[in-house]
Amino acid sequence: MGIAEDIKQDSFKSEYSKAIINTIFTSAWLHQEHLQLFKSHGLTTPQFNILRILRGQHPKPATVNLLIDRMLDKSSNASRIVDKLEQKGLVKRSQCSKDRRAVDVYISDAGLKLLDEMDVKMDEWEKSHNSLSEKEAATLNVLLDKIRG
């Protein structure tokens, strides 16, 4: 089904306008799909994003500012998200040895284990939604980067 059928709109101002609407619609669709995956593991999208950032840093710590810089959703409250993840035992915090005003954030063993479990589900989800070839996916990435560039 195309975007015109999905949103029941017969015409668009231009192909560029249609592409922007299609991108926004597809982003929201992908987000809803991810929400279901994350919800089954007791996480939100921003929590999952922070855990993945921390896993990438592991075993080095991350500061909250580093998390903010690398998050997909810049409007998320990283400090509050870290609080929730700490309550769940998925991250640990300690005073930064280089800057006493900063806090180091580490992913815990439980956080690493959860991401390992989720990786399997994410791989299955990606394979079930794999309607693009590698070449098409690469082209899409170039085009999306170009839009933001």
C-alpha atoms as a PDB file:
ATOM      1  CA  MET A   1       0.000   0.000   0.000  1.00  0.00           C
ATOM      2  CA  GLY A   2       1.289   3.506  -0.792  1.00  0.00           C
ATOM      3  CA  ILE A   3       1.152   6.639   1.328  1.00  0.00           C
ATOM      4  CA  ALA A   4      -1.847   7.977  -0.633  1.00  0.00           C
ATOM      5  CA  GLU A   5      -3.880   4.899   0.323  1.00  0.00           C
ATOM      6  CA  ASP A   6      -2.543   4.798   3.879  1.00  0.00           C
ATOM      7  CA  ILE A   7      -3.653   8.325   4.691  1.00  0.00           C
ATOM      8  CA  LYS A   8      -6.515   8.407   2.184  1.00  0.00           C
ATOM      9  CA  GLN A   9      -5.235  11.451   0.306  1.00  0.00           C
ATOM     10  CA  ASP A  10      -5.704  11.600  -3.449  1.00  0.00           C
ATOM     11  CA  SER A  11      -3.103  14.194  -4.346  1.00  0.00           C
ATOM     12  CA  PHE A  12      -0.111  16.016  -2.922  1.00  0.00           C
ATOM     13  CA  LYS A  13       1.243  19.499  -3.554  1.00  0.00           C
ATOM     14  CA  SER A  14       4.442  17.992  -5.012  1.00  0.00           C
ATOM     15  CA  GLU A  15       6.501  14.811  -4.995  1.00  0.00           C
ATOM     16  CA  TYR A  16       8.770  16.478  -2.426  1.00  0.00           C
ATOM     17  CA  SER A  17       5.786  17.203  -0.186  1.00  0.00           C
ATOM     18  CA  LYS A  18       4.618  13.608  -0.625  1.00  0.00           C
ATOM     19  CA  ALA A  19       8.095  12.345   0.305  1.00  0.00           C
ATOM     20  CA  ILE A  20       8.151  14.431   3.497  1.00  0.00           C
ATOM     21  CA  ILE A  21       4.677  13.230   4.514  1.00  0.00           C
ATOM     22  CA  ASN A  22       5.675   9.647   3.672  1.00  0.00           C
ATOM     23  CA  THR A  23       8.834   9.973   5.788  1.00  0.00           C
ATOM     24  CA  ILE A  24       6.899  11.344   8.771  1.00  0.00           C
ATOM     25  CA  PHE A  25       4.208   8.662   8.424  1.00  0.00           C
ATOM     26  CA  THR A  26       6.798   5.886   8.117  1.00  0.00           C
ATOM     27  CA  SER A  27       8.739   7.219  11.095  1.00  0.00           C
ATOM     28  CA  ALA A  28       5.599   7.142  13.240  1.00  0.00           C
ATOM     29  CA  TRP A  29       4.786   3.623  11.989  1.00  0.00           C
ATOM     30  CA  LEU A  30       8.281   2.361  12.820  1.00  0.00           C
ATOM     31  CA  HIS A  31       8.098   4.058  16.217  1.00  0.00           C
ATOM     32  CA  GLN A  32       4.812   2.284  17.060  1.00  0.00           C
ATOM     33  CA  GLU A  33       6.290  -1.044  16.001  1.00  0.00           C
ATOM     34  CA  HIS A  34       9.324  -0.459  18.229  1.00  0.00           C
ATOM     35  CA  LEU A  35       7.119   0.586  21.144  1.00  0.00           C
ATOM     36  CA  GLN A  36       5.528  -2.857  21.140  1.00  0.00           C
ATOM     37  CA  LEU A  37       8.931  -4.554  21.187  1.00  0.00           C
ATOM     38  CA  PHE A  38      10.247  -2.356  23.993  1.00  0.00           C
ATOM     39  CA  LYS A  39       7.039  -2.554  26.022  1.00  0.00           C
ATOM     40  CA  SER A  40       7.315  -6.341  26.191  1.00  0.00           C
ATOM     41  CA  HIS A  41      10.669  -5.814  27.958  1.00  0.00           C
ATOM     42  CA  GLY A  42       9.429  -3.021  30.223  1.00  0.00           C
ATOM     43  CA  LEU A  43      11.292  -0.260  28.392  1.00  0.00           C
ATOM     44  CA  THR A  44      10.472   2.941  26.576  1.00  0.00           C
ATOM     45  CA  THR A  45      12.166   3.992  23.352  1.00  0.00           C
ATOM     46  CA  PRO A  46      14.439   6.560  25.090  1.00  0.00           C
ATOM     47  CA  GLN A  47      15.393   3.991  27.757  1.00  0.00           C
ATOM     48  CA  PHE A  48      16.351   1.503  25.052  1.00  0.00           C
ATOM     49  CA  ASN A  49      18.323   4.222  23.267  1.00  0.00           C
ATOM     50  CA  ILE A  50      20.307   5.053  26.424  1.00  0.00           C
ATOM     51  CA  LEU A  51      21.030   1.391  27.113  1.00  0.00           C
ATOM     52  CA  ARG A  52      22.379   0.973  23.577  1.00  0.00           C
ATOM     53  CA  ILE A  53      24.578   4.049  23.955  1.00  0.00           C
ATOM     54  CA  LEU A  54      25.917   2.726  27.256  1.00  0.00           C
ATOM     55  CA  ARG A  55      26.577  -0.695  25.744  1.00  0.00           C
ATOM     56  CA  GLY A  56      28.574   1.023  23.007  1.00  0.00           C
ATOM     57  CA  GLN A  57      30.619   2.817  25.673  1.00  0.00           C
ATOM     58  CA  HIS A  58      31.060  -0.303  27.800  1.00  0.00           C
ATOM     59  CA  PRO A  59      33.211  -0.750  29.847  1.00  0.00           C
ATOM     60  CA  LYS A  60      33.887   3.004  29.823  1.00  0.00           C
ATOM     61  CA  PRO A  61      31.363   5.261  31.545  1.00  0.00           C
ATOM     62  CA  ALA A  62      29.212   7.903  29.921  1.00  0.00           C
ATOM     63  CA  THR A  63      28.202  11.244  31.356  1.00  0.00           C
ATOM     64  CA  VAL A  64      24.629  12.459  31.087  1.00  0.00           C
ATOM     65  CA  ASN A  65      25.861  15.128  28.646  1.00  0.00           C
ATOM     66  CA  LEU A  66      27.348  12.437  26.393  1.00  0.00           C
ATOM     67  CA  LEU A  67      24.024  10.569  26.504  1.00  0.00           C
ATOM     68  CA  ILE A  68      22.141  13.735  25.557  1.00  0.00           C
ATOM     69  CA  ASP A  69      24.509  14.361  22.631  1.00  0.00           C
ATOM     70  CA  ARG A  70      24.063  10.849  21.268  1.00  0.00           C
ATOM     71  CA  MET A  71      20.346  10.292  21.893  1.00  0.00           C
ATOM     72  CA  LEU A  72      18.025   9.945  18.920  1.00  0.00           C
ATOM     73  CA  ASP A  73      15.354  12.101  20.604  1.00  0.00           C
ATOM     74  CA  LYS A  74      17.124  15.237  21.802  1.00  0.00           C
ATOM     75  CA  SER A  75      14.027  16.368  23.711  1.00  0.00           C
ATOM     76  CA  SER A  76      14.207  13.429  26.121  1.00  0.00           C
ATOM     77  CA  ASN A  77      15.170  14.089  29.729  1.00  0.00           C
ATOM     78  CA  ALA A  78      18.286  11.937  29.992  1.00  0.00           C
ATOM     79  CA  SER A  79      18.721  12.415  33.760  1.00  0.00           C
ATOM     80  CA  ARG A  80      15.196  11.222  34.465  1.00  0.00           C
ATOM     81  CA  ILE A  81      15.619   8.278  32.092  1.00  0.00           C
ATOM     82  CA  VAL A  82      18.850   7.269  33.840  1.00  0.00           C
ATOM     83  CA  ASP A  83      16.988   7.462  37.180  1.00  0.00           C
ATOM     84  CA  LYS A  84      14.349   5.032  35.901  1.00  0.00           C
ATOM     85  CA  LEU A  85      16.961   2.671  34.454  1.00  0.00           C
ATOM     86  CA  GLU A  86      18.860   2.728  37.738  1.00  0.00           C
ATOM     87  CA  GLN A  87      15.659   1.846  39.630  1.00  0.00           C
ATOM     88  CA  LYS A  88      15.290  -1.149  37.300  1.00  0.00           C
ATOM     89  CA  GLY A  89      18.893  -2.191  37.996  1.00  0.00           C
ATOM     90  CA  LEU A  90      19.911  -1.736  34.360  1.00  0.00           C
ATOM     91  CA  VAL A  91      22.474   1.023  34.935  1.00  0.00           C
ATOM     92  CA  LYS A  92      24.801   2.131  37.724  1.00  0.00           C
ATOM     93  CA  ARG A  93      26.017   5.592  38.624  1.00  0.00           C
ATOM     94  CA  SER A  94      29.123   6.829  40.367  1.00  0.00           C
ATOM     95  CA  GLN A  95      30.793  10.179  40.947  1.00  0.00           C
ATOM     96  CA  CYS A  96      33.050  11.151  38.033  1.00  0.00           C
ATOM     97  CA  SER A  97      36.694  10.997  39.094  1.00  0.00           C
ATOM     98  CA  LYS A  98      37.656  13.846  36.704  1.00  0.00           C
ATOM     99  CA  ASP A  99      34.803  16.230  37.518  1.00  0.00           C
ATOM    100  CA  ARG A 100      33.126  16.026  40.916  1.00  0.00           C
ATOM    101  CA  ARG A 101      30.046  17.822  39.541  1.00  0.00           C
ATOM    102  CA  ALA A 102      29.481  15.121  36.923  1.00  0.00           C
ATOM    103  CA  VAL A 103      28.190  11.592  37.298  1.00  0.00           C
ATOM    104  CA  ASP A 104      29.480   8.547  35.419  1.00  0.00           C
ATOM    105  CA  VAL A 105      26.817   6.198  34.122  1.00  0.00           C
ATOM    106  CA  TYR A 106      27.568   2.531  33.373  1.00  0.00           C
ATOM    107  CA  ILE A 107      25.399  -0.211  31.967  1.00  0.00           C
ATOM    108  CA  SER A 108      24.956  -3.028  34.501  1.00  0.00           C
ATOM    109  CA  ASP A 109      25.279  -6.741  33.815  1.00  0.00           C
ATOM    110  CA  ALA A 110      21.471  -6.921  33.926  1.00  0.00           C
ATOM    111  CA  GLY A 111      21.300  -4.155  31.303  1.00  0.00           C
ATOM    112  CA  LEU A 112      23.749  -6.004  29.057  1.00  0.00           C
ATOM    113  CA  LYS A 113      21.778  -9.228  29.462  1.00  0.00           C
ATOM    114  CA  LEU A 114      18.501  -7.489  28.621  1.00  0.00           C
ATOM    115  CA  LEU A 115      20.001  -5.964  25.459  1.00  0.00           C
ATOM    116  CA  ASP A 116      21.351  -9.367  24.419  1.00  0.00           C
ATOM    117  CA  GLU A 117      17.827 -10.781  24.726  1.00  0.00           C
ATOM    118  CA  MET A 118      16.369  -7.831  22.867  1.00  0.00           C
ATOM    119  CA  ASP A 119      18.945  -8.133  20.071  1.00  0.00           C
ATOM    120  CA  VAL A 120      17.398 -11.469  19.115  1.00  0.00           C
ATOM    121  CA  LYS A 121      13.914  -9.925  18.988  1.00  0.00           C
ATOM    122  CA  MET A 122      15.176  -6.879  17.073  1.00  0.00           C
ATOM    123  CA  ASP A 123      16.909  -9.111  14.512  1.00  0.00           C
ATOM    124  CA  GLU A 124      13.706 -11.126  14.060  1.00  0.00           C
ATOM    125  CA  TRP A 125      11.689  -7.906  13.692  1.00  0.00           C
ATOM    126  CA  GLU A 126      14.121  -6.475  11.127  1.00  0.00           C
ATOM    127  CA  LYS A 127      14.053  -9.697   9.100  1.00  0.00           C
ATOM    128  CA  SER A 128      10.248  -9.745   9.115  1.00  0.00           C
ATOM    129  CA  HIS A 129      10.193  -6.138   7.828  1.00  0.00           C
ATOM    130  CA  ASN A 130      13.035  -6.544   5.343  1.00  0.00           C
ATOM    131  CA  SER A 131      11.380  -5.446   2.103  1.00  0.00           C
ATOM    132  CA  LEU A 132      14.464  -3.539   0.889  1.00  0.00           C
ATOM    133  CA  SER A 133      17.630  -5.006  -0.561  1.00  0.00           C
ATOM    134  CA  GLU A 134      20.979  -4.013   0.986  1.00  0.00           C
ATOM    135  CA  LYS A 135      21.539  -1.673  -1.957  1.00  0.00           C
ATOM    136  CA  GLU A 136      18.087  -0.091  -1.545  1.00  0.00           C
ATOM    137  CA  ALA A 137      18.670   0.347   2.201  1.00  0.00           C
ATOM    138  CA  ALA A 138      22.024   2.025   1.475  1.00  0.00           C
ATOM    139  CA  THR A 139      20.333   4.348  -1.031  1.00  0.00           C
ATOM    140  CA  LEU A 140      17.606   5.166   1.488  1.00  0.00           C
ATOM    141  CA  ASN A 141      20.258   6.033   4.092  1.00  0.00           C
ATOM    142  CA  VAL A 142      21.997   8.367   1.623  1.00  0.00           C
ATOM    143  CA  LEU A 143      18.707  10.054   0.760  1.00  0.00           C
ATOM    144  CA  LEU A 144      17.657  10.485   4.393  1.00  0.00           C
ATOM    145  CA  ASP A 145      21.078  11.926   5.246  1.00  0.00           C
ATOM    146  CA  LYS A 146      20.756  14.257   2.254  1.00  0.00           C
ATOM    147  CA  ILE A 147      17.373  15.540   3.502  1.00  0.00           C
ATOM    148  CA  ARG A 148      18.933  16.432   6.877  1.00  0.00           C
ATOM    149  CA  GLY A 149      22.180  17.696   5.296  1.00  0.00           C
END
